[in-house]
Each structure stands twice: as C-alpha cells, then as structure tokens.
Amino acid sequence: MTDLEYLNHAEALLRRVEQACDRINDESDADVDNQRVGGMITLTFANRSQIVINLQKPLQEVWMAARAGGYHYRFDGQRWLDTKSQGEFFADLKRHASEQAGMPLDFSS
C-alpha cells in the first residue's frame, strides 16, 4: 500500500469515529467528547477515562490506547485488524468504549 492509500484509509477511519461519536451523543444519554488534533482523536467519557486513537504513518498503522491496553491495527484491504489478535478496529472500539462509558455504545455506521 502506498503512503497516499494508507492516509486515505486512515483518514476515513478517523472521520467514521468522529461521526459515530456525534451520532452516539445525539441518540443516547452517553456523553462522549471527541477532540481531534491532526492524526489523533481523544475520546473522553463522563468518568474522565479516555481512549486515544492515532495514526502511525511510518508504520502504516492506527494505534488505539484504552484502559485495557494498547492495540495496533493494519489495513488488510477491507478492514483494520489488530496485528496481534486479528481483532477488528470498530469491534474493539465498541467493546472498550462500552466498558469505559459503562453503557453499550455502537460505533458501526
């Protein structure tokens, strides 16, 4: 994958996270603050815990740091998969965000 292809896919992932946060806040009692600075999004929950998602351009990865740990994802042509467990990014984000928010959150589009 070229650097430009990586950036296009990674930026689409970040936009999807931002849009999902907006939808979650509109459709539920969840209070998920999302702030983006460049290639990094910080999600802050009502209990002040955070999930940080950031681009790792030299490695062509997306990293997620949650209370449960740190995860590295690579694009396989269709999905972003964890380099160790092969977990899918949005399924993992849903699980970690739901745990940290104390309520079910859905990040699917």
PDB file of N, CA and C in Angstrom:
ATOM      1  N   MET A   1       0.854  -1.168   0.000  1.00  0.00           N
ATOM      2  CA  MET A   1       0.000   0.000   0.000  1.00  0.00           C
ATOM      3  C   MET A   1       0.901   1.231   0.000  1.00  0.00           C
ATOM      4  N   THR A   2       0.564   2.192  -0.823  1.00  0.00           N
ATOM      5  CA  THR A   2       1.345   3.428  -0.863  1.00  0.00           C
ATOM      6  C   THR A   2       0.997   4.287   0.352  1.00  0.00           C
ATOM      7  N   ASP A   3       1.826   5.264   0.622  1.00  0.00           N
ATOM      8  CA  ASP A   3       1.560   6.183   1.732  1.00  0.00           C
ATOM      9  C   ASP A   3       0.250   6.937   1.518  1.00  0.00           C
ATOM     10  N   LEU A   4      -0.034   7.320   0.288  1.00  0.00           N
ATOM     11  CA  LEU A   4      -1.272   8.034  -0.006  1.00  0.00           C
ATOM     12  C   LEU A   4      -2.491   7.140   0.232  1.00  0.00           C
ATOM     13  N   GLU A   5      -2.411   5.883  -0.174  1.00  0.00           N
ATOM     14  CA  GLU A   5      -3.517   4.948   0.075  1.00  0.00           C
ATOM     15  C   GLU A   5      -3.737   4.754   1.574  1.00  0.00           C
ATOM     16  N   TYR A   6      -2.631   4.593   2.304  1.00  0.00           N
ATOM     17  CA  TYR A   6      -2.737   4.474   3.762  1.00  0.00           C
ATOM     18  C   TYR A   6      -3.441   5.690   4.349  1.00  0.00           C
ATOM     19  N   LEU A   7      -2.992   6.878   3.972  1.00  0.00           N
ATOM     20  CA  LEU A   7      -3.584   8.100   4.521  1.00  0.00           C
ATOM     21  C   LEU A   7      -5.069   8.211   4.192  1.00  0.00           C
ATOM     22  N   ASN A   8      -5.455   7.849   2.995  1.00  0.00           N
ATOM     23  CA  ASN A   8      -6.868   7.900   2.620  1.00  0.00           C
ATOM     24  C   ASN A   8      -7.701   6.962   3.491  1.00  0.00           C
ATOM     25  N   HIS A   9      -7.242   5.744   3.689  1.00  0.00           N
ATOM     26  CA  HIS A   9      -7.967   4.777   4.509  1.00  0.00           C
ATOM     27  C   HIS A   9      -7.964   5.192   5.987  1.00  0.00           C
ATOM     28  N   ALA A  10      -6.830   5.677   6.465  1.00  0.00           N
ATOM     29  CA  ALA A  10      -6.718   6.069   7.871  1.00  0.00           C
ATOM     30  C   ALA A  10      -7.578   7.298   8.176  1.00  0.00           C
ATOM     31  N   GLU A  11      -7.584   8.268   7.272  1.00  0.00           N
ATOM     32  CA  GLU A  11      -8.422   9.457   7.470  1.00  0.00           C
ATOM     33  C   GLU A  11      -9.902   9.080   7.445  1.00  0.00           C
ATOM     34  N   ALA A  12     -10.278   8.141   6.592  1.00  0.00           N
ATOM     35  CA  ALA A  12     -11.668   7.670   6.550  1.00  0.00           C
ATOM     36  C   ALA A  12     -12.042   7.026   7.890  1.00  0.00           C
ATOM     37  N   LEU A  13     -11.128   6.269   8.492  1.00  0.00           N
ATOM     38  CA  LEU A  13     -11.370   5.661   9.793  1.00  0.00           C
ATOM     39  C   LEU A  13     -11.591   6.748  10.847  1.00  0.00           C
ATOM     40  N   LEU A  14     -10.744   7.763  10.875  1.00  0.00           N
ATOM     41  CA  LEU A  14     -10.889   8.827  11.871  1.00  0.00           C
ATOM     42  C   LEU A  14     -12.211   9.578  11.684  1.00  0.00           C
ATOM     43  N   ARG A  15     -12.589   9.858  10.442  1.00  0.00           N
ATOM     44  CA  ARG A  15     -13.873  10.531  10.186  1.00  0.00           C
ATOM     45  C   ARG A  15     -15.033   9.672  10.672  1.00  0.00           C
ATOM     46  N   ARG A  16     -14.940   8.379  10.445  1.00  0.00           N
ATOM     47  CA  ARG A  16     -16.006   7.464  10.873  1.00  0.00           C
ATOM     48  C   ARG A  16     -16.128   7.454  12.399  1.00  0.00           C
ATOM     49  N   VAL A  17     -15.013   7.500  13.105  1.00  0.00           N
ATOM     50  CA  VAL A  17     -15.044   7.567  14.575  1.00  0.00           C
ATOM     51  C   VAL A  17     -15.723   8.863  15.013  1.00  0.00           C
ATOM     52  N   GLU A  18     -15.340   9.986  14.408  1.00  0.00           N
ATOM     53  CA  GLU A  18     -15.947  11.275  14.764  1.00  0.00           C
ATOM     54  C   GLU A  18     -17.451  11.266  14.505  1.00  0.00           C
ATOM     55  N   GLN A  19     -17.863  10.770  13.365  1.00  0.00           N
ATOM     56  CA  GLN A  19     -19.288  10.720  13.026  1.00  0.00           C
ATOM     57  C   GLN A  19     -20.045   9.806  13.984  1.00  0.00           C
ATOM     58  N   ALA A  20     -19.455   8.688  14.352  1.00  0.00           N
ATOM     59  CA  ALA A  20     -20.100   7.766  15.289  1.00  0.00           C
ATOM     60  C   ALA A  20     -20.277   8.425  16.651  1.00  0.00           C
ATOM     61  N   CYS A  21     -19.283   9.181  17.101  1.00  0.00           N
ATOM     62  CA  CYS A  21     -19.402   9.882  18.388  1.00  0.00           C
ATOM     63  C   CYS A  21     -20.550  10.890  18.339  1.00  0.00           C
ATOM     64  N   ASP A  22     -20.643  11.640  17.256  1.00  0.00           N
ATOM     65  CA  ASP A  22     -21.738  12.602  17.114  1.00  0.00           C
ATOM     66  C   ASP A  22     -23.081  11.895  17.151  1.00  0.00           C
ATOM     67  N   ARG A  23     -23.196  10.780  16.431  1.00  0.00           N
ATOM     68  CA  ARG A  23     -24.448  10.022  16.405  1.00  0.00           C
ATOM     69  C   ARG A  23     -24.772   9.459  17.785  1.00  0.00           C
ATOM     70  N   ILE A  24     -23.788   8.900  18.462  1.00  0.00           N
ATOM     71  CA  ILE A  24     -23.992   8.350  19.807  1.00  0.00           C
ATOM     72  C   ILE A  24     -24.493   9.426  20.751  1.00  0.00           C
ATOM     73  N   ASN A  25     -23.888  10.595  20.705  1.00  0.00           N
ATOM     74  CA  ASN A  25     -24.303  11.696  21.585  1.00  0.00           C
ATOM     75  C   ASN A  25     -25.714  12.174  21.254  1.00  0.00           C
ATOM     76  N   ASP A  26     -26.086  12.154  19.981  1.00  0.00           N
ATOM     77  CA  ASP A  26     -27.427  12.589  19.571  1.00  0.00           C
ATOM     78  C   ASP A  26     -28.503  11.578  19.943  1.00  0.00           C
ATOM     79  N   GLU A  27     -28.167  10.287  19.888  1.00  0.00           N
ATOM     80  CA  GLU A  27     -29.174   9.243  20.034  1.00  0.00           C
ATOM     81  C   GLU A  27     -29.223   8.581  21.406  1.00  0.00           C
ATOM     82  N   SER A  28     -28.351   8.965  22.319  1.00  0.00           N
ATOM     83  CA  SER A  28     -28.322   8.297  23.624  1.00  0.00           C
ATOM     84  C   SER A  28     -27.970   9.294  24.722  1.00  0.00           C
ATOM     85  N   ASP A  29     -27.948   8.785  25.943  1.00  0.00           N
ATOM     86  CA  ASP A  29     -27.556   9.596  27.097  1.00  0.00           C
ATOM     87  C   ASP A  29     -26.051   9.606  27.303  1.00  0.00           C
ATOM     88  N   ALA A  30     -25.339   8.946  26.419  1.00  0.00           N
ATOM     89  CA  ALA A  30     -23.878   8.901  26.535  1.00  0.00           C
ATOM     90  C   ALA A  30     -23.307  10.308  26.340  1.00  0.00           C
ATOM     91  N   ASP A  31     -22.221  10.559  27.011  1.00  0.00           N
ATOM     92  CA  ASP A  31     -21.519  11.834  26.856  1.00  0.00           C
ATOM     93  C   ASP A  31     -20.089  11.499  26.448  1.00  0.00           C
ATOM     94  N   VAL A  32     -19.886  11.389  25.139  1.00  0.00           N
ATOM     95  CA  VAL A  32     -18.567  11.048  24.611  1.00  0.00           C
ATOM     96  C   VAL A  32     -18.004  12.287  23.928  1.00  0.00           C
ATOM     97  N   ASP A  33     -17.043  12.924  24.579  1.00  0.00           N
ATOM     98  CA  ASP A  33     -16.394  14.091  23.992  1.00  0.00           C
ATOM     99  C   ASP A  33     -15.287  13.585  23.074  1.00  0.00           C
ATOM    100  N   ASN A  34     -15.255  14.091  21.844  1.00  0.00           N
ATOM    101  CA  ASN A  34     -14.174  13.694  20.950  1.00  0.00           C
ATOM    102  C   ASN A  34     -13.472  14.933  20.443  1.00  0.00           C
ATOM    103  N   GLN A  35     -12.165  14.917  20.581  1.00  0.00           N
ATOM    104  CA  GLN A  35     -11.339  16.027  20.104  1.00  0.00           C
ATOM    105  C   GLN A  35     -10.298  15.476  19.158  1.00  0.00           C
ATOM    106  N   ARG A  36     -10.201  16.151  18.017  1.00  0.00           N
ATOM    107  CA  ARG A  36      -9.209  15.733  17.028  1.00  0.00           C
ATOM    108  C   ARG A  36      -8.150  16.809  16.881  1.00  0.00           C
ATOM    109  N   VAL A  37      -6.920  16.354  16.907  1.00  0.00           N
ATOM    110  CA  VAL A  37      -5.772  17.213  16.639  1.00  0.00           C
ATOM    111  C   VAL A  37      -4.911  16.461  15.639  1.00  0.00           C
ATOM    112  N   GLY A  38      -4.901  16.933  14.394  1.00  0.00           N
ATOM    113  CA  GLY A  38      -4.139  16.263  13.348  1.00  0.00           C
ATOM    114  C   GLY A  38      -4.590  14.833  13.162  1.00  0.00           C
ATOM    115  N   GLY A  39      -3.679  13.903  13.303  1.00  0.00           N
ATOM    116  CA  GLY A  39      -3.968  12.488  13.118  1.00  0.00           C
ATOM    117  C   GLY A  39      -4.284  11.764  14.408  1.00  0.00           C
ATOM    118  N   MET A  40      -4.830  12.492  15.399  1.00  0.00           N
ATOM    119  CA  MET A  40      -5.139  11.881  16.688  1.00  0.00           C
ATOM    120  C   MET A  40      -6.521  12.317  17.159  1.00  0.00           C
ATOM    121  N   ILE A  41      -7.302  11.356  17.646  1.00  0.00           N
ATOM    122  CA  ILE A  41      -8.601  11.636  18.258  1.00  0.00           C
ATOM    123  C   ILE A  41      -8.555  11.136  19.699  1.00  0.00           C
ATOM    124  N   THR A  42      -8.996  11.984  20.615  1.00  0.00           N
ATOM    125  CA  THR A  42      -9.122  11.593  22.013  1.00  0.00           C
ATOM    126  C   THR A  42     -10.604  11.550  22.357  1.00  0.00           C
ATOM    127  N   LEU A  43     -11.064  10.382  22.798  1.00  0.00           N
ATOM    128  CA  LEU A  43     -12.433  10.222  23.268  1.00  0.00           C
ATOM    129  C   LEU A  43     -12.395  10.287  24.788  1.00  0.00           C
ATOM    130  N   THR A  44     -13.194  11.175  25.372  1.00  0.00           N
ATOM    131  CA  THR A  44     -13.259  11.308  26.815  1.00  0.00           C
ATOM    132  C   THR A  44     -14.681  11.006  27.262  1.00  0.00           C
ATOM    133  N   PHE A  45     -14.802  10.126  28.246  1.00  0.00           N
ATOM    134  CA  PHE A  45     -16.091   9.676  28.737  1.00  0.00           C
ATOM    135  C   PHE A  45     -16.461  10.427  30.017  1.00  0.00           C
ATOM    136  N   ALA A  46     -17.708  10.308  30.442  1.00  0.00           N
ATOM    137  CA  ALA A  46     -18.213  11.040  31.602  1.00  0.00           C
ATOM    138  C   ALA A  46     -17.382  10.770  32.855  1.00  0.00           C
ATOM    139  N   ASN A  47     -16.810   9.570  32.979  1.00  0.00           N
ATOM    140  CA  ASN A  47     -15.990   9.234  34.146  1.00  0.00           C
ATOM    141  C   ASN A  47     -14.541   9.695  34.000  1.00  0.00           C
ATOM    142  N   ARG A  48     -14.273  10.484  32.955  1.00  0.00           N
ATOM    143  CA  ARG A  48     -12.969  11.079  32.646  1.00  0.00           C
ATOM    144  C   ARG A  48     -11.950  10.096  32.080  1.00  0.00           C
ATOM    145  N   SER A  49     -12.337   8.850  31.872  1.00  0.00           N
ATOM    146  CA  SER A  49     -11.410   7.927  31.219  1.00  0.00           C
ATOM    147  C   SER A  49     -11.344   8.292  29.738  1.00  0.00           C
ATOM    148  N   GLN A  50     -10.282   7.864  29.089  1.00  0.00           N
ATOM    149  CA  GLN A  50     -10.065   8.246  27.690  1.00  0.00           C
ATOM    150  C   GLN A  50      -9.667   7.046  26.842  1.00  0.00           C
ATOM    151  N   ILE A  51      -9.952   7.189  25.553  1.00  0.00           N
ATOM    152  CA  ILE A  51      -9.403   6.318  24.518  1.00  0.00           C
ATOM    153  C   ILE A  51      -8.734   7.244  23.518  1.00  0.00           C
ATOM    154  N   VAL A  52      -7.500   6.928  23.168  1.00  0.00           N
ATOM    155  CA  VAL A  52      -6.751   7.742  22.211  1.00  0.00           C
ATOM    156  C   VAL A  52      -6.498   6.898  20.969  1.00  0.00           C
ATOM    157  N   ILE A  53      -6.846   7.460  19.827  1.00  0.00           N
ATOM    158  CA  ILE A  53      -6.644   6.804  18.531  1.00  0.00           C
ATOM    159  C   ILE A  53      -5.718   7.697  17.731  1.00  0.00           C
ATOM    160  N   ASN A  54      -4.621   7.148  17.255  1.00  0.00           N
ATOM    161  CA  ASN A  54      -3.715   7.999  16.470  1.00  0.00           C
ATOM    162  C   ASN A  54      -3.073   7.233  15.320  1.00  0.00           C
ATOM    163  N   LEU A  55      -2.727   7.990  14.303  1.00  0.00           N
ATOM    164  CA  LEU A  55      -2.107   7.425  13.109  1.00  0.00           C
ATOM    165  C   LEU A  55      -0.612   7.271  13.340  1.00  0.00           C
ATOM    166  N   GLN A  56      -0.083   6.158  12.889  1.00  0.00           N
ATOM    167  CA  GLN A  56       1.352   5.901  12.907  1.00  0.00           C
ATOM    168  C   GLN A  56       1.788   5.776  11.452  1.00  0.00           C
ATOM    169  N   LYS A  57       2.027   6.926  10.836  1.00  0.00           N
ATOM    170  CA  LYS A  57       2.288   6.974   9.394  1.00  0.00           C
ATOM    171  C   LYS A  57       3.499   6.159   8.958  1.00  0.00           C
ATOM    172  N   PRO A  58       4.629   6.218   9.657  1.00  0.00           N
ATOM    173  CA  PRO A  58       5.787   5.444   9.181  1.00  0.00           C
ATOM    174  C   PRO A  58       5.524   3.929   9.142  1.00  0.00           C
ATOM    175  N   LEU A  59       4.649   3.445  10.033  1.00  0.00           N
ATOM    176  CA  LEU A  59       4.346   2.014  10.099  1.00  0.00           C
ATOM    177  C   LEU A  59       3.077   1.655   9.333  1.00  0.00           C
ATOM    178  N   GLN A  60       2.377   2.664   8.834  1.00  0.00           N
ATOM    179  CA  GLN A  60       1.085   2.483   8.169  1.00  0.00           C
ATOM    180  C   GLN A  60       0.111   1.740   9.075  1.00  0.00           C
ATOM    181  N   GLU A  61       0.044   2.188  10.326  1.00  0.00           N
ATOM    182  CA  GLU A  61      -0.843   1.594  11.314  1.00  0.00           C
ATOM    183  C   GLU A  61      -1.699   2.669  11.967  1.00  0.00           C
ATOM    184  N   VAL A  62      -2.743   2.214  12.640  1.00  0.00           N
ATOM    185  CA  VAL A  62      -3.557   3.045  13.517  1.00  0.00           C
ATOM    186  C   VAL A  62      -3.441   2.424  14.900  1.00  0.00           C
ATOM    187  N   TRP A  63      -3.118   3.245  15.888  1.00  0.00           N
ATOM    188  CA  TRP A  63      -2.961   2.743  17.244  1.00  0.00           C
ATOM    189  C   TRP A  63      -4.127   3.219  18.099  1.00  0.00           C
ATOM    190  N   MET A  64      -4.576   2.355  19.001  1.00  0.00           N
ATOM    191  CA  MET A  64      -5.612   2.711  19.960  1.00  0.00           C
ATOM    192  C   MET A  64      -5.101   2.393  21.357  1.00  0.00           C
ATOM    193  N   ALA A  65      -5.208   3.377  22.250  1.00  0.00           N
ATOM    194  CA  ALA A  65      -4.870   3.180  23.654  1.00  0.00           C
ATOM    195  C   ALA A  65      -6.153   3.323  24.461  1.00  0.00           C
ATOM    196  N   ALA A  66      -6.491   2.269  25.201  1.00  0.00           N
ATOM    197  CA  ALA A  66      -7.673   2.251  26.052  1.00  0.00           C
ATOM    198  C   ALA A  66      -7.232   1.794  27.440  1.00  0.00           C
ATOM    199  N   ARG A  67      -8.160   1.839  28.385  1.00  0.00           N
ATOM    200  CA  ARG A  67      -7.822   1.362  29.731  1.00  0.00           C
ATOM    201  C   ARG A  67      -7.306  -0.071  29.696  1.00  0.00           C
ATOM    202  N   ALA A  68      -7.843  -0.873  28.791  1.00  0.00           N
ATOM    203  CA  ALA A  68      -7.477  -2.297  28.713  1.00  0.00           C
ATOM    204  C   ALA A  68      -6.102  -2.528  28.095  1.00  0.00           C
ATOM    205  N   GLY A  69      -5.531  -1.508  27.448  1.00  0.00           N
ATOM    206  CA  GLY A  69      -4.212  -1.679  26.851  1.00  0.00           C
ATOM    207  C   GLY A  69      -4.070  -0.946  25.539  1.00  0.00           C
ATOM    208  N   GLY A  70      -2.970  -1.227  24.848  1.00  0.00           N
ATOM    209  CA  GLY A  70      -2.676  -0.599  23.570  1.00  0.00           C
ATOM    210  C   GLY A  70      -2.791  -1.604  22.436  1.00  0.00           C
ATOM    211  N   TYR A  71      -3.283  -1.130  21.290  1.00  0.00           N
ATOM    212  CA  TYR A  71      -3.545  -2.003  20.154  1.00  0.00           C
ATOM    213  C   TYR A  71      -3.049  -1.343  18.874  1.00  0.00           C
ATOM    214  N   HIS A  72      -2.518  -2.156  17.971  1.00  0.00           N
ATOM    215  CA  HIS A  72      -2.001  -1.669  16.689  1.00  0.00           C
ATOM    216  C   HIS A  72      -2.791  -2.338  15.570  1.00  0.00           C
ATOM    217  N   TYR A  73      -3.272  -1.534  14.630  1.00  0.00           N
ATOM    218  CA  TYR A  73      -4.110  -2.047  13.543  1.00  0.00           C
ATOM    219  C   TYR A  73      -3.483  -1.733  12.195  1.00  0.00           C
ATOM    220  N   ARG A  74      -3.581  -2.709  11.281  1.00  0.00           N
ATOM    221  CA  ARG A  74      -3.150  -2.540   9.893  1.00  0.00           C
ATOM    222  C   ARG A  74      -4.328  -2.813   8.982  1.00  0.00           C
ATOM    223  N   PHE A  75      -4.370  -2.099   7.872  1.00  0.00           N
ATOM    224  CA  PHE A  75      -5.444  -2.254   6.907  1.00  0.00           C
ATOM    225  C   PHE A  75      -5.146  -3.454   6.020  1.00  0.00           C
ATOM    226  N   ASP A  76      -6.110  -4.376   5.888  1.00  0.00           N
ATOM    227  CA  ASP A  76      -5.899  -5.591   5.087  1.00  0.00           C
ATOM    228  C   ASP A  76      -6.528  -5.486   3.695  1.00  0.00           C
ATOM    229  N   GLY A  77      -6.961  -4.295   3.333  1.00  0.00           N
ATOM    230  CA  GLY A  77      -7.636  -4.099   2.055  1.00  0.00           C
ATOM    231  C   GLY A  77      -9.127  -3.901   2.236  1.00  0.00           C
ATOM    232  N   GLN A  78      -9.657  -4.344   3.383  1.00  0.00           N
ATOM    233  CA  GLN A  78     -11.082  -4.179   3.685  1.00  0.00           C
ATOM    234  C   GLN A  78     -11.321  -3.669   5.093  1.00  0.00           C
ATOM    235  N   ARG A  79     -10.516  -4.153   6.045  1.00  0.00           N
ATOM    236  CA  ARG A  79     -10.728  -3.819   7.454  1.00  0.00           C
ATOM    237  C   ARG A  79      -9.398  -3.521   8.134  1.00  0.00           C
ATOM    238  N   TRP A  80      -9.495  -2.821   9.260  1.00  0.00           N
ATOM    239  CA  TRP A  80      -8.337  -2.580  10.103  1.00  0.00           C
ATOM    240  C   TRP A  80      -8.294  -3.683  11.151  1.00  0.00           C
ATOM    241  N   LEU A  81      -7.226  -4.502  11.122  1.00  0.00           N
ATOM    242  CA  LEU A  81      -7.105  -5.647  12.015  1.00  0.00           C
ATOM    243  C   LEU A  81      -5.926  -5.479  12.964  1.00  0.00           C
ATOM    244  N   ASP A  82      -6.132  -5.898  14.214  1.00  0.00           N
ATOM    245  CA  ASP A  82      -5.085  -5.842  15.226  1.00  0.00           C
ATOM    246  C   ASP A  82      -3.924  -6.745  14.802  1.00  0.00           C
ATOM    247  N   THR A  83      -2.719  -6.256  14.936  1.00  0.00           N
ATOM    248  CA  THR A  83      -1.548  -7.001  14.476  1.00  0.00           C
ATOM    249  C   THR A  83      -1.257  -8.235  15.326  1.00  0.00           C
ATOM    250  N   LYS A  84      -1.833  -8.317  16.541  1.00  0.00           N
ATOM    251  CA  LYS A  84      -1.606  -9.487  17.402  1.00  0.00           C
ATOM    252  C   LYS A  84      -2.811 -10.412  17.429  1.00  0.00           C
ATOM    253  N   SER A  85      -3.977  -9.874  17.755  1.00  0.00           N
ATOM    254  CA  SER A  85      -5.147 -10.736  17.954  1.00  0.00           C
ATOM    255  C   SER A  85      -6.018 -10.871  16.715  1.00  0.00           C
ATOM    256  N   GLN A  86      -5.762 -10.060  15.702  1.00  0.00           N
ATOM    257  CA  GLN A  86      -6.579 -10.001  14.484  1.00  0.00           C
ATOM    258  C   GLN A  86      -7.984  -9.464  14.753  1.00  0.00           C
ATOM    259  N   GLY A  87      -8.208  -8.846  15.923  1.00  0.00           N
ATOM    260  CA  GLY A  87      -9.486  -8.199  16.212  1.00  0.00           C
ATOM    261  C   GLY A  87      -9.707  -7.032  15.261  1.00  0.00           C
ATOM    262  N   GLU A  88     -10.961  -6.767  14.919  1.00  0.00           N
ATOM    263  CA  GLU A  88     -11.308  -5.680  14.005  1.00  0.00           C
ATOM    264  C   GLU A  88     -11.431  -4.385  14.794  1.00  0.00           C
ATOM    265  N   PHE A  89     -10.934  -3.288  14.223  1.00  0.00           N
ATOM    266  CA  PHE A  89     -10.854  -2.000  14.925  1.00  0.00           C
ATOM    267  C   PHE A  89     -12.184  -1.577  15.533  1.00  0.00           C
ATOM    268  N   PHE A  90     -13.263  -1.515  14.732  1.00  0.00           N
ATOM    269  CA  PHE A  90     -14.518  -0.974  15.237  1.00  0.00           C
ATOM    270  C   PHE A  90     -15.175  -1.902  16.262  1.00  0.00           C
ATOM    271  N   ALA A  91     -14.990  -3.199  16.149  1.00  0.00           N
ATOM    272  CA  ALA A  91     -15.492  -4.128  17.166  1.00  0.00           C
ATOM    273  C   ALA A  91     -14.740  -3.914  18.482  1.00  0.00           C
ATOM    274  N   ASP A  92     -13.417  -3.734  18.388  1.00  0.00           N
ATOM    275  CA  ASP A  92     -12.618  -3.478  19.589  1.00  0.00           C
ATOM    276  C   ASP A  92     -12.976  -2.124  20.199  1.00  0.00           C
ATOM    277  N   LEU A  93     -13.148  -1.108  19.362  1.00  0.00           N
ATOM    278  CA  LEU A  93     -13.518   0.217  19.862  1.00  0.00           C
ATOM    279  C   LEU A  93     -14.861   0.147  20.585  1.00  0.00           C
ATOM    280  N   LYS A  94     -15.815  -0.550  20.009  1.00  0.00           N
ATOM    281  CA  LYS A  94     -17.138  -0.711  20.631  1.00  0.00           C
ATOM    282  C   LYS A  94     -16.999  -1.342  22.015  1.00  0.00           C
ATOM    283  N   ARG A  95     -16.214  -2.409  22.095  1.00  0.00           N
ATOM    284  CA  ARG A  95     -16.035  -3.116  23.368  1.00  0.00           C
ATOM    285  C   ARG A  95     -15.373  -2.232  24.419  1.00  0.00           C
ATOM    286  N   HIS A  96     -14.264  -1.590  24.052  1.00  0.00           N
ATOM    287  CA  HIS A  96     -13.532  -0.763  25.017  1.00  0.00           C
ATOM    288  C   HIS A  96     -14.320   0.486  25.406  1.00  0.00           C
ATOM    289  N   ALA A  97     -14.940   1.135  24.442  1.00  0.00           N
ATOM    290  CA  ALA A  97     -15.710   2.349  24.736  1.00  0.00           C
ATOM    291  C   ALA A  97     -16.920   2.016  25.606  1.00  0.00           C
ATOM    292  N   SER A  98     -17.575   0.900  25.335  1.00  0.00           N
ATOM    293  CA  SER A  98     -18.734   0.491  26.145  1.00  0.00           C
ATOM    294  C   SER A  98     -18.310   0.225  27.585  1.00  0.00           C
ATOM    295  N   GLU A  99     -17.168  -0.438  27.758  1.00  0.00           N
ATOM    296  CA  GLU A  99     -16.652  -0.702  29.103  1.00  0.00           C
ATOM    297  C   GLU A  99     -16.350   0.598  29.823  1.00  0.00           C
ATOM    298  N   GLN A 100     -15.695   1.521  29.141  1.00  0.00           N
ATOM    299  CA  GLN A 100     -15.292   2.762  29.776  1.00  0.00           C
ATOM    300  C   GLN A 100     -16.468   3.704  30.005  1.00  0.00           C
ATOM    301  N   ALA A 101     -17.481   3.655  29.157  1.00  0.00           N
ATOM    302  CA  ALA A 101     -18.651   4.512  29.314  1.00  0.00           C
ATOM    303  C   ALA A 101     -19.659   3.922  30.308  1.00  0.00           C
ATOM    304  N   GLY A 102     -19.558   2.612  30.562  1.00  0.00           N
ATOM    305  CA  GLY A 102     -20.499   1.971  31.446  1.00  0.00           C
ATOM    306  C   GLY A 102     -21.864   1.755  30.815  1.00  0.00           C
ATOM    307  N   MET A 103     -21.906   1.787  29.499  1.00  0.00           N
ATOM    308  CA  MET A 103     -23.143   1.550  28.762  1.00  0.00           C
ATOM    309  C   MET A 103     -22.799   1.107  27.354  1.00  0.00           C
ATOM    310  N   PRO A 104     -23.699   0.387  26.676  1.00  0.00           N
ATOM    311  CA  PRO A 104     -23.379  -0.080  25.323  1.00  0.00           C
ATOM    312  C   PRO A 104     -23.288   1.086  24.338  1.00  0.00           C
ATOM    313  N   LEU A 105     -22.234   1.116  23.583  1.00  0.00           N
ATOM    314  CA  LEU A 105     -22.025   2.126  22.539  1.00  0.00           C
ATOM    315  C   LEU A 105     -21.740   1.401  21.230  1.00  0.00           C
ATOM    316  N   ASP A 106     -22.330   1.889  20.158  1.00  0.00           N
ATOM    317  CA  ASP A 106     -22.178   1.247  18.851  1.00  0.00           C
ATOM    318  C   ASP A 106     -21.484   2.200  17.898  1.00  0.00           C
ATOM    319  N   PHE A 107     -20.328   1.800  17.402  1.00  0.00           N
ATOM    320  CA  PHE A 107     -19.545   2.636  16.505  1.00  0.00           C
ATOM    321  C   PHE A 107     -19.702   2.217  15.043  1.00  0.00           C
ATOM    322  N   SER A 108     -20.650   1.323  14.763  1.00  0.00           N
ATOM    323  CA  SER A 108     -20.869   0.950  13.359  1.00  0.00           C
ATOM    324  C   SER A 108     -21.586   2.082  12.649  1.00  0.00           C
ATOM    325  N   SER A 109     -21.417   2.128  11.335  1.00  0.00           N
ATOM    326  CA  SER A 109     -22.012   3.237  10.584  1.00  0.00           C
ATOM    327  C   SER A 109     -23.457   2.983  10.264  1.00  0.00           C
TER     328      SER A 109
END
